């Protein structure tokens, strides 16, 4: 399309335009010299660039749906799709849904999302407010996780709060766990009209901290809590006689000192992994201790495995599994390309979900004690983790083998 921008006509003066105006305009266009420097030409190209950028950043997501049912491997439902193309999926909460792997699925476009708007939630750190911090698009709020073999129940904040009535739900871990915790606060608070009925029990503000935060939903007498424990095991000073260069140790056979605060939780969600790297351990002079001995040759991978075994043993010894529901959420995959965050890597301005499903968990010993709530290969989707958590809680509390209407 060719656009002409002309000087506005002075409406206060009578028009002297004749029927030859269009011919004159054509004549002027023929005399147009594209390489002649002028402010008008510069303005034209500048305006064109601005229009292009505006269209890029504010692209109407409905345009995506008109491209069909699949874009770059992502399922985009289309109103023209045949309803008889595939048999209906089973419901996750039904008996048949027991065999459904909720971690094997795809991202689907859902126009009814998001479940809440960050601007309406006061329980988010400023750094987690993507839109308020300048992200121009809202694509990332429209994707919903859908298992291949079943349908997850639609998240219902009121129903989840009823499920948590008179209970404690506790997150323990690093900033990834905190991100999921804040997301759940926003999701649940959307069902509470009087926000003053939601408060931190010690009056502490939502901010980065080294301790814990516990939010009470007064109408339901339930708390949603977060304890910061980046390794889950004790980090402290080395024992006497430790080798030179050892400034700190991770005591792989001892759970974090705050563990006594968690063990009575009705729902207990662990996560760790992001701090188990060279920069956060050995480079800082932090080595691995078992008993009173520091093992200078133990690899980070083996140390992490031992710490997870310590967590599993602690759960079996300290937690009443008839009362408590325990989950372990694995760490997020790396999204950098061409290097790590500190070695020149970048995310290549990716704004769409990564493709692919999660690997299956093969450790049957840990599976019997800890259900695995995993990250879905896309950064910034804690709402989806909580939707799976919601489905797991409903599944656990539903009468065995009963058919649940969704």
Protein backbone atom coordinates (compact mmCIF):
# COMPACT_ATOMS: atom_id res chain seq x y z
CA UNK A 1 0.00 0.00 0.00
CA UNK A 2 1.28 3.48 -0.90
CA UNK A 3 0.36 6.20 1.56
CA UNK A 4 0.46 9.92 0.79
CA UNK A 5 0.76 12.41 3.64
CA UNK A 6 -0.24 15.88 2.49
CA UNK A 7 -0.44 19.18 4.24
CA UNK A 8 -3.91 19.70 5.77
CA UNK A 9 -6.22 22.16 3.98
CA UNK A 10 -7.04 25.42 5.80
CA UNK A 11 -10.77 24.91 6.39
CA UNK A 12 -11.27 28.61 7.13
CA UNK A 13 -10.68 29.53 3.49
CA UNK A 14 -12.91 28.66 0.58
CA UNK A 15 -11.63 25.79 -1.47
CA UNK A 16 -10.17 26.61 -4.87
CA UNK A 17 -9.62 22.99 -5.80
CA UNK A 18 -10.69 22.14 -9.37
CA UNK A 19 -11.53 18.81 -10.95
CA UNK A 20 -7.91 18.68 -12.17
CA UNK A 21 -6.64 18.16 -8.61
CA UNK A 22 -6.16 14.44 -9.10
CA UNK A 23 -4.25 15.03 -12.30
CA UNK A 24 -2.05 17.55 -10.51
CA UNK A 25 -1.41 15.01 -7.77
CA UNK A 26 -0.38 12.42 -10.36
CA UNK A 27 1.94 14.94 -11.98
CA UNK A 28 3.57 15.71 -8.63
CA UNK A 29 4.01 11.99 -7.98
CA UNK A 30 5.79 11.53 -11.33
CA UNK A 31 8.16 14.33 -10.35
CA UNK A 32 8.87 12.62 -7.02
CA UNK A 33 12.63 12.10 -6.50
CA UNK A 34 13.18 9.33 -3.97
CA UNK A 35 16.80 10.22 -3.33
CA UNK A 36 16.19 13.93 -2.81
CA UNK A 37 16.83 14.71 0.86
CA UNK A 38 13.85 16.33 2.42
CA UNK A 39 12.17 16.46 5.76
CA UNK A 40 8.97 15.09 4.22
CA UNK A 41 10.70 11.95 2.94
CA UNK A 42 12.43 11.40 6.27
CA UNK A 43 9.13 11.81 8.07
CA UNK A 44 7.47 9.33 5.70
CA UNK A 45 10.04 6.61 6.38
CA UNK A 46 10.05 7.34 10.10
CA UNK A 47 6.27 7.05 10.26
CA UNK A 48 6.37 3.81 8.25
CA UNK A 49 8.91 2.36 10.67
CA UNK A 50 6.78 3.34 13.67
CA UNK A 51 3.69 1.77 12.10
CA UNK A 52 5.63 -1.45 11.45
CA UNK A 53 6.94 -1.63 15.01
CA UNK A 54 3.47 -0.93 16.41
CA UNK A 55 2.01 -3.75 14.33
CA UNK A 56 4.78 -6.09 15.50
CA UNK A 57 4.36 -5.42 19.19
CA UNK A 58 0.60 -5.10 19.27
CA UNK A 59 -0.26 -7.83 16.79
CA UNK A 60 -3.79 -9.02 17.43
CA UNK A 61 -3.45 -12.59 18.65
CA UNK A 62 -6.62 -13.52 16.79
CA UNK A 63 -4.59 -13.23 13.62
CA UNK A 64 -2.58 -16.23 14.73
CA UNK A 65 -5.66 -18.40 14.92
CA UNK A 66 -6.55 -17.73 11.30
CA UNK A 67 -3.35 -19.45 10.23
CA UNK A 68 -4.85 -22.83 11.08
CA UNK A 69 -4.48 -25.35 13.83
CA UNK A 70 -0.69 -25.47 14.02
CA UNK A 71 1.96 -22.78 14.12
CA UNK A 72 5.59 -23.80 14.64
CA UNK A 73 4.40 -27.04 16.21
CA UNK A 74 2.10 -25.30 18.68
CA UNK A 75 -1.57 -26.26 18.77
CA UNK A 76 -3.82 -23.33 17.96
CA UNK A 77 -7.48 -24.32 18.07
CA UNK A 78 -9.46 -23.19 15.03
CA UNK A 79 -13.19 -22.73 14.79
CA UNK A 80 -13.07 -24.53 11.45
CA UNK A 81 -11.46 -27.66 12.92
CA UNK A 82 -13.47 -30.83 12.60
CA UNK A 83 -14.93 -31.97 15.90
CA UNK A 84 -14.82 -35.58 14.73
CA UNK A 85 -11.09 -35.61 13.97
CA UNK A 86 -10.19 -37.40 17.21
CA UNK A 87 -12.06 -39.17 20.01
CA UNK A 88 -12.65 -37.13 23.17
CA UNK A 89 -9.89 -37.28 25.75
CA UNK A 90 -10.47 -38.81 29.17
CA UNK A 91 -10.77 -36.57 32.21
CA UNK A 92 -7.75 -36.53 34.50
CA UNK A 93 -9.98 -36.85 37.59
CA UNK A 94 -11.72 -39.97 36.29
CA UNK A 95 -10.55 -43.57 36.81
CA UNK A 96 -9.28 -43.65 33.23
CA UNK A 97 -7.25 -40.52 33.94
CA UNK A 98 -5.09 -42.43 36.42
CA UNK A 99 -2.86 -43.49 33.52
CA UNK A 100 -2.48 -39.98 32.12
CA UNK A 101 1.00 -38.45 32.20
CA UNK A 102 0.23 -34.78 32.80
CA UNK A 103 3.84 -33.83 32.00
CA UNK A 104 3.62 -35.09 28.41
CA UNK A 105 1.68 -32.52 26.43
CA UNK A 106 1.59 -29.34 24.40
CA UNK A 107 0.97 -25.63 24.83
CA UNK A 108 -2.44 -24.65 23.48
CA UNK A 109 -3.78 -21.19 22.80
CA UNK A 110 -6.62 -20.22 25.12
CA UNK A 111 -8.43 -16.92 24.61
CA UNK A 112 -9.95 -17.09 28.08
CA UNK A 113 -6.52 -16.70 29.68
CA UNK A 114 -4.91 -15.28 31.76
CA UNK A 115 -6.45 -16.50 34.99
CA UNK A 116 -5.63 -13.12 36.59
CA UNK A 117 -3.88 -9.87 35.69
CA UNK A 118 -0.66 -9.01 37.49
CA UNK A 119 -1.75 -5.38 37.83
CA UNK A 120 -4.62 -6.58 40.04
CA UNK A 121 -2.42 -8.69 42.33
CA UNK A 122 -0.48 -7.11 45.17
CA UNK A 123 1.43 -10.30 45.98
CA UNK A 124 4.09 -10.06 43.27
CA UNK A 125 7.63 -8.75 43.54
CA UNK A 126 8.20 -5.86 41.19
CA UNK A 127 10.74 -7.90 39.24
CA UNK A 128 8.11 -10.52 38.33
CA UNK A 129 5.69 -7.99 36.80
CA UNK A 130 6.51 -8.45 33.12
CA UNK A 131 3.83 -6.19 31.67
CA UNK A 132 4.36 -3.40 34.20
CA UNK A 133 8.11 -3.58 33.58
CA UNK A 134 7.68 -2.84 29.89
CA UNK A 135 7.01 -6.11 28.07
CA UNK A 136 4.90 -4.91 25.12
CA UNK A 137 3.11 -8.13 24.13
CA UNK A 138 0.69 -10.33 26.06
CA UNK A 139 1.24 -13.58 24.14
CA UNK A 140 2.85 -15.25 27.12
CA UNK A 141 -0.40 -14.98 29.12
CA UNK A 142 -2.49 -16.90 26.57
CA UNK A 143 -0.84 -20.32 26.60
CA UNK A 144 -2.33 -23.21 28.55
CA UNK A 145 -0.64 -26.54 29.22
CA UNK A 146 -2.63 -29.49 27.87
CA UNK A 147 -1.59 -33.14 28.43
CA UNK A 148 -1.78 -35.29 25.31
CA UNK A 149 -3.83 -38.08 26.89
CA UNK A 150 -6.33 -36.27 29.11
CA UNK A 151 -8.04 -33.03 30.03
CA UNK A 152 -6.99 -31.21 33.17
CA UNK A 153 -9.75 -29.67 35.30
CA UNK A 154 -10.23 -25.94 34.83
CA UNK A 155 -8.63 -24.05 37.70
CA UNK A 156 -11.21 -22.91 40.23
CA UNK A 157 -9.76 -20.65 42.94
CA UNK A 158 -12.74 -21.05 45.26
CA UNK A 159 -12.65 -24.82 44.97
CA UNK A 160 -8.92 -24.90 45.72
CA UNK A 161 -9.39 -22.68 48.76
CA UNK A 162 -12.10 -25.05 50.00
CA UNK A 163 -9.67 -27.93 49.47
CA UNK A 164 -7.10 -26.05 51.57
CA UNK A 165 -9.52 -25.04 54.32
CA UNK A 166 -7.86 -25.37 57.78
CA UNK A 167 -4.62 -26.50 56.13
CA UNK A 168 -1.05 -25.34 55.49
CA UNK A 169 0.46 -25.34 51.99
CA UNK A 170 4.23 -24.81 52.15
CA UNK A 171 6.81 -24.12 49.42
CA UNK A 172 10.46 -24.73 50.30
CA UNK A 173 13.26 -23.90 47.88
CA UNK A 174 14.92 -21.21 45.80
CA UNK A 175 13.52 -18.34 43.74
CA UNK A 176 11.78 -20.75 41.35
CA UNK A 177 9.72 -22.05 44.26
CA UNK A 178 9.10 -18.50 45.37
CA UNK A 179 7.86 -17.61 41.89
CA UNK A 180 5.34 -20.45 42.04
CA UNK A 181 4.31 -19.41 45.54
CA UNK A 182 3.61 -15.82 44.47
CA UNK A 183 1.70 -17.08 41.45
CA UNK A 184 -0.52 -19.23 43.67
CA UNK A 185 -1.21 -16.27 45.97
CA UNK A 186 -2.45 -14.30 42.96
CA UNK A 187 -4.52 -17.18 41.62
CA UNK A 188 -6.21 -17.83 44.97
CA UNK A 189 -6.73 -14.17 45.84
CA UNK A 190 -8.79 -13.71 42.68
CA UNK A 191 -11.63 -15.53 44.50
CA UNK A 192 -11.51 -13.32 47.61
CA UNK A 193 -13.48 -10.09 47.31
CA UNK A 194 -12.16 -8.52 50.51
CA UNK A 195 -8.39 -8.52 50.04
CA UNK A 196 -7.87 -7.34 53.63
CA UNK A 197 -8.79 -10.90 54.61
CA UNK A 198 -5.46 -11.99 53.08
CA UNK A 199 -2.40 -10.95 55.05
CA UNK A 200 1.11 -11.96 56.09
CA UNK A 201 0.85 -13.42 59.57
CA UNK A 202 3.86 -11.47 60.89
CA UNK A 203 3.08 -8.26 59.03
CA UNK A 204 6.09 -8.70 56.73
CA UNK A 205 5.91 -7.15 53.25
CA UNK A 206 6.38 -9.11 50.04
CA UNK A 207 10.03 -8.48 49.29
CA UNK A 208 13.23 -10.41 48.72
CA UNK A 209 14.36 -11.92 51.97
CA UNK A 210 16.34 -14.75 53.57
CA UNK A 211 13.63 -16.05 55.86
CA UNK A 212 10.04 -17.06 55.31
CA UNK A 213 6.64 -15.56 54.57
CA UNK A 214 3.24 -16.98 55.51
CA UNK A 215 0.00 -15.59 54.08
CA UNK A 216 -3.28 -16.30 55.82
CA UNK A 217 -6.55 -16.60 53.89
CA UNK A 218 -8.73 -15.73 56.85
CA UNK A 219 -12.08 -16.86 55.45
CA UNK A 220 -10.67 -20.35 54.91
CA UNK A 221 -8.26 -20.49 57.86
CA UNK A 222 -5.47 -21.68 55.58
CA UNK A 223 -1.93 -20.45 55.03
CA UNK A 224 0.20 -20.45 51.89
CA UNK A 225 3.84 -20.24 52.98
CA UNK A 226 7.31 -19.91 51.48
CA UNK A 227 10.62 -20.84 53.13
CA UNK A 228 13.81 -19.88 51.36
CA UNK A 229 16.23 -22.82 51.35
CA UNK A 230 18.25 -22.83 48.15
CA UNK A 231 19.97 -26.19 48.76
CA UNK A 232 17.45 -27.80 51.17
CA UNK A 233 20.45 -28.99 53.21
CA UNK A 234 22.53 -27.00 55.73
CA UNK A 235 25.11 -24.54 54.47
CA UNK A 236 27.54 -23.36 57.10
CA UNK A 237 31.11 -23.01 58.32
CA UNK A 238 33.54 -25.87 57.67
CA UNK A 239 34.48 -28.25 60.50
CA UNK A 240 37.81 -27.89 62.37
CA UNK A 241 40.75 -29.12 60.33
CA UNK A 242 39.06 -28.61 56.97
CA UNK A 243 41.42 -28.32 53.97
CA UNK A 244 42.76 -24.91 53.01
CA UNK A 245 40.50 -22.94 50.72
CA UNK A 246 37.27 -24.31 52.20
CA UNK A 247 35.22 -21.29 53.26
CA UNK A 248 31.80 -22.94 53.50
CA UNK A 249 30.35 -26.42 53.31
CA UNK A 250 27.06 -27.99 52.33
CA UNK A 251 26.26 -30.68 54.89
CA UNK A 252 24.73 -33.21 52.54
CA UNK A 253 23.42 -35.41 55.35
CA UNK A 254 21.56 -32.64 57.25
CA UNK A 255 18.33 -30.94 56.23
CA UNK A 256 18.06 -27.15 56.53
CA UNK A 257 17.80 -25.81 60.09
CA UNK A 258 14.24 -24.60 59.43
CA UNK A 259 13.01 -28.09 58.52
CA UNK A 260 11.10 -28.43 61.80
CA UNK A 261 8.79 -25.65 60.56
CA UNK A 262 7.79 -27.60 57.45
CA UNK A 263 7.17 -31.13 58.58
CA UNK A 264 3.58 -30.61 59.76
CA UNK A 265 2.45 -28.99 56.50
CA UNK A 266 -0.56 -30.57 54.80
CA UNK A 267 0.92 -29.90 51.35
CA UNK A 268 4.71 -29.63 51.12
CA UNK A 269 6.39 -28.66 47.84
CA UNK A 270 10.17 -28.79 47.54
CA UNK A 271 12.39 -27.44 44.80
CA UNK A 272 16.13 -27.07 44.40
CA UNK A 273 18.76 -27.34 41.67
CA UNK A 274 19.57 -23.87 40.36
CA UNK A 275 22.17 -23.22 43.02
CA UNK A 276 23.87 -26.59 42.49
CA UNK A 277 26.46 -25.28 40.05
CA UNK A 278 30.15 -24.40 40.03
CA UNK A 279 29.64 -20.66 40.51
CA UNK A 280 27.48 -21.11 43.62
CA UNK A 281 29.61 -23.81 45.23
CA UNK A 282 33.24 -24.64 44.49
CA UNK A 283 34.12 -21.29 42.90
CA UNK A 284 32.99 -19.62 46.15
CA UNK A 285 35.00 -22.03 48.26
CA UNK A 286 31.90 -24.01 49.21
CA UNK A 287 32.57 -27.76 49.28
CA UNK A 288 30.61 -30.82 50.35
CA UNK A 289 30.60 -32.29 53.84
CA UNK A 290 29.32 -35.66 55.09
CA UNK A 291 29.57 -36.18 58.83
CA UNK A 292 32.66 -34.30 59.94
CA UNK A 293 34.58 -34.90 56.73
CA UNK A 294 34.88 -32.58 53.74
CA UNK A 295 35.11 -34.49 50.46
CA UNK A 296 37.17 -32.33 48.09
CA UNK A 297 36.71 -34.75 45.20
CA UNK A 298 32.94 -35.13 45.27
CA UNK A 299 31.33 -33.84 42.07
CA UNK A 300 28.45 -31.37 42.14
CA UNK A 301 26.18 -33.92 40.44
CA UNK A 302 26.91 -36.59 43.06
CA UNK A 303 26.53 -34.06 45.87
CA UNK A 304 23.12 -33.03 44.53
CA UNK A 305 22.04 -36.67 44.34
CA UNK A 306 23.09 -37.27 47.96
CA UNK A 307 21.17 -34.19 49.10
CA UNK A 308 18.00 -35.45 47.40
CA UNK A 309 18.45 -38.83 49.10
CA UNK A 310 18.77 -36.96 52.41
CA UNK A 311 15.50 -35.15 51.69
CA UNK A 312 13.73 -38.44 50.89
CA UNK A 313 15.04 -40.06 54.08
CA UNK A 314 13.92 -37.03 56.10
CA UNK A 315 10.43 -37.22 54.62
CA UNK A 316 10.16 -40.93 55.42
CA UNK A 317 11.36 -40.31 58.98
CA UNK A 318 9.76 -36.98 59.93
CA UNK A 319 6.63 -36.48 57.83
CA UNK A 320 3.31 -38.17 58.47
CA UNK A 321 2.45 -39.32 54.95
CA UNK A 322 -1.10 -40.16 56.02
CA UNK A 323 -1.61 -36.44 56.61
CA UNK A 324 0.85 -34.67 54.31
CA UNK A 325 1.07 -34.59 50.53
CA UNK A 326 4.68 -34.08 49.40
CA UNK A 327 5.91 -33.03 45.96
CA UNK A 328 9.33 -32.27 44.52
CA UNK A 329 9.49 -29.87 41.60
CA UNK A 330 12.56 -30.26 39.43
CA UNK A 331 14.64 -27.32 38.30
CA UNK A 332 14.01 -25.37 35.11
CA UNK A 333 15.93 -26.10 31.90
CA UNK A 334 18.40 -23.51 30.63
CA UNK A 335 17.02 -21.17 27.96
CA UNK A 336 20.27 -19.52 26.92
CA UNK A 337 21.72 -20.14 23.45
CA UNK A 338 25.39 -19.77 22.52
CA UNK A 339 26.63 -19.86 26.10
CA UNK A 340 25.44 -19.36 29.66
CA UNK A 341 24.10 -16.15 31.20
CA UNK A 342 27.64 -15.02 32.09
CA UNK A 343 29.50 -16.33 29.03
CA UNK A 344 27.82 -14.47 26.19
CA UNK A 345 24.65 -16.53 25.93
CA UNK A 346 21.26 -15.06 25.15
CA UNK A 347 17.63 -16.05 24.82
CA UNK A 348 17.45 -14.79 21.20
CA UNK A 349 14.36 -12.70 22.07
CA UNK A 350 12.23 -15.84 22.25
CA UNK A 351 8.62 -15.04 23.11
CA UNK A 352 6.89 -18.33 22.25
CA UNK A 353 6.94 -21.59 24.26
CA UNK A 354 9.72 -24.09 23.71
CA UNK A 355 8.56 -27.34 22.17
CA UNK A 356 8.85 -30.86 23.51
CA UNK A 357 7.72 -32.84 26.51
CA UNK A 358 9.36 -33.72 29.77
CA UNK A 359 11.55 -36.78 30.32
CA UNK A 360 9.99 -39.44 32.48
CA UNK A 361 11.18 -39.88 36.06
CA UNK A 362 12.78 -43.31 36.43
CA UNK A 363 13.75 -43.41 40.08
CA UNK A 364 11.00 -45.61 41.48
CA UNK A 365 12.24 -45.25 45.08
CA UNK A 366 11.80 -41.49 45.12
CA UNK A 367 8.56 -41.78 43.15
CA UNK A 368 6.94 -43.84 45.91
CA UNK A 369 7.54 -41.09 48.45
CA UNK A 370 7.53 -37.93 46.38
CA UNK A 371 5.28 -37.10 43.44
CA UNK A 372 7.18 -35.08 40.87
CA UNK A 373 5.82 -31.70 39.82
CA UNK A 374 8.03 -30.63 36.94
CA UNK A 375 8.78 -27.46 35.02
CA UNK A 376 7.40 -27.40 31.50
CA UNK A 377 10.35 -26.24 29.41
CA UNK A 378 9.23 -22.68 29.27
CA UNK A 379 10.37 -19.84 31.50
CA UNK A 380 7.72 -17.83 33.34
CA UNK A 381 4.84 -20.31 33.56
CA UNK A 382 4.35 -20.80 37.31
CA UNK A 383 0.59 -20.50 36.78
CA UNK A 384 0.74 -23.76 34.82
CA UNK A 385 2.67 -25.49 37.60
CA UNK A 386 -0.11 -24.46 39.97
CA UNK A 387 -2.81 -25.69 37.62
CA UNK A 388 -1.17 -29.13 37.72
CA UNK A 389 -0.85 -28.83 41.50
CA UNK A 390 -4.59 -28.07 41.66
CA UNK A 391 -5.39 -31.14 39.55
CA UNK A 392 -3.17 -33.36 41.72
CA UNK A 393 -4.84 -32.11 44.91
CA UNK A 394 -8.31 -32.77 43.51
CA UNK A 395 -7.19 -36.22 42.38
CA UNK A 396 -5.81 -37.02 45.81
CA UNK A 397 -8.94 -35.83 47.64
CA UNK A 398 -11.51 -37.37 45.28
CA UNK A 399 -13.14 -40.71 46.22
CA UNK A 400 -11.11 -43.49 44.67
CA UNK A 401 -12.16 -44.42 41.13
CA UNK A 402 -15.11 -42.01 41.19
CA UNK A 403 -16.14 -40.23 38.03
CA UNK A 404 -15.81 -36.49 38.49
CA UNK A 405 -17.76 -34.08 36.32
CA UNK A 406 -15.61 -31.21 35.06
